[in-house]
Protein backbone atom coordinates (compact mmCIF):
# COMPACT_ATOMS: atom_id res chain seq x y z
CA MET A 1 -67.51 18.48 -37.12
CA ALA A 2 -66.28 22.07 -36.96
CA ASP A 3 -68.79 22.87 -34.22
CA ARG A 4 -67.45 19.99 -32.17
CA LEU A 5 -63.84 21.16 -32.58
CA VAL A 6 -64.79 24.68 -31.49
CA ARG A 7 -66.63 23.30 -28.47
CA ILE A 8 -63.70 21.09 -27.43
CA SER A 9 -61.11 23.84 -27.88
CA SER A 10 -63.18 26.43 -26.03
CA THR A 11 -63.85 24.33 -22.93
CA PRO A 12 -62.18 25.68 -19.78
CA ARG A 13 -59.18 23.76 -18.53
CA ALA A 14 -59.59 21.63 -15.40
CA VAL A 15 -56.31 22.81 -13.83
CA GLN A 16 -55.88 26.48 -13.12
CA ALA A 17 -52.63 28.20 -14.06
CA SER A 18 -51.66 28.74 -10.42
CA ASP A 19 -51.99 25.02 -9.62
CA TRP A 20 -50.44 23.78 -12.85
CA GLY A 21 -46.82 23.75 -11.71
CA ARG A 22 -47.46 21.79 -8.54
CA GLY A 23 -50.06 19.52 -10.14
CA ALA A 24 -47.75 18.49 -12.95
CA ILE A 25 -44.90 17.46 -10.65
CA GLU A 26 -46.76 15.46 -8.01
CA PRO A 27 -47.80 12.54 -10.28
CA MET A 28 -44.20 12.26 -11.52
CA LEU A 29 -42.68 11.66 -8.09
CA PRO A 30 -44.04 8.12 -7.56
CA ALA A 31 -43.02 7.20 -11.11
CA LEU A 32 -39.51 8.57 -10.56
CA LEU A 33 -39.25 6.71 -7.27
CA ARG A 34 -40.31 3.46 -8.94
CA GLY A 35 -37.75 4.07 -11.67
CA VAL A 36 -34.95 4.65 -9.17
CA ILE A 37 -35.88 1.48 -7.27
CA PHE A 38 -36.06 -0.51 -10.51
CA ILE A 39 -32.64 0.68 -11.69
CA SER A 40 -31.06 0.04 -8.30
CA VAL A 41 -32.47 -3.51 -8.21
CA LEU A 42 -31.08 -4.16 -11.68
CA ALA A 43 -27.68 -2.69 -10.80
CA ALA A 44 -27.29 -4.49 -7.44
CA PRO A 45 -25.80 -7.75 -8.84
CA PHE A 46 -23.29 -5.84 -10.95
CA VAL A 47 -22.23 -3.69 -8.02
CA ALA A 48 -21.89 -6.80 -5.86
CA ALA A 49 -19.75 -8.48 -8.52
CA LEU A 50 -17.50 -5.42 -8.79
CA LEU A 51 -17.06 -5.27 -5.02
CA ALA A 52 -16.33 -9.00 -4.85
CA GLY A 53 -13.50 -8.56 -7.30
């Protein structure tokens, strides 16, 4: 068990440090865009009701 933990912890990381900043942000952008679209679709009836008076 201890040998396995040492092997797992000593494996090299797949993402290099120079690419880490860009690589961590890119997968978040589609998720953020979906979240913004989802919130705007939910808010549209309330905004329409406020504008209608």
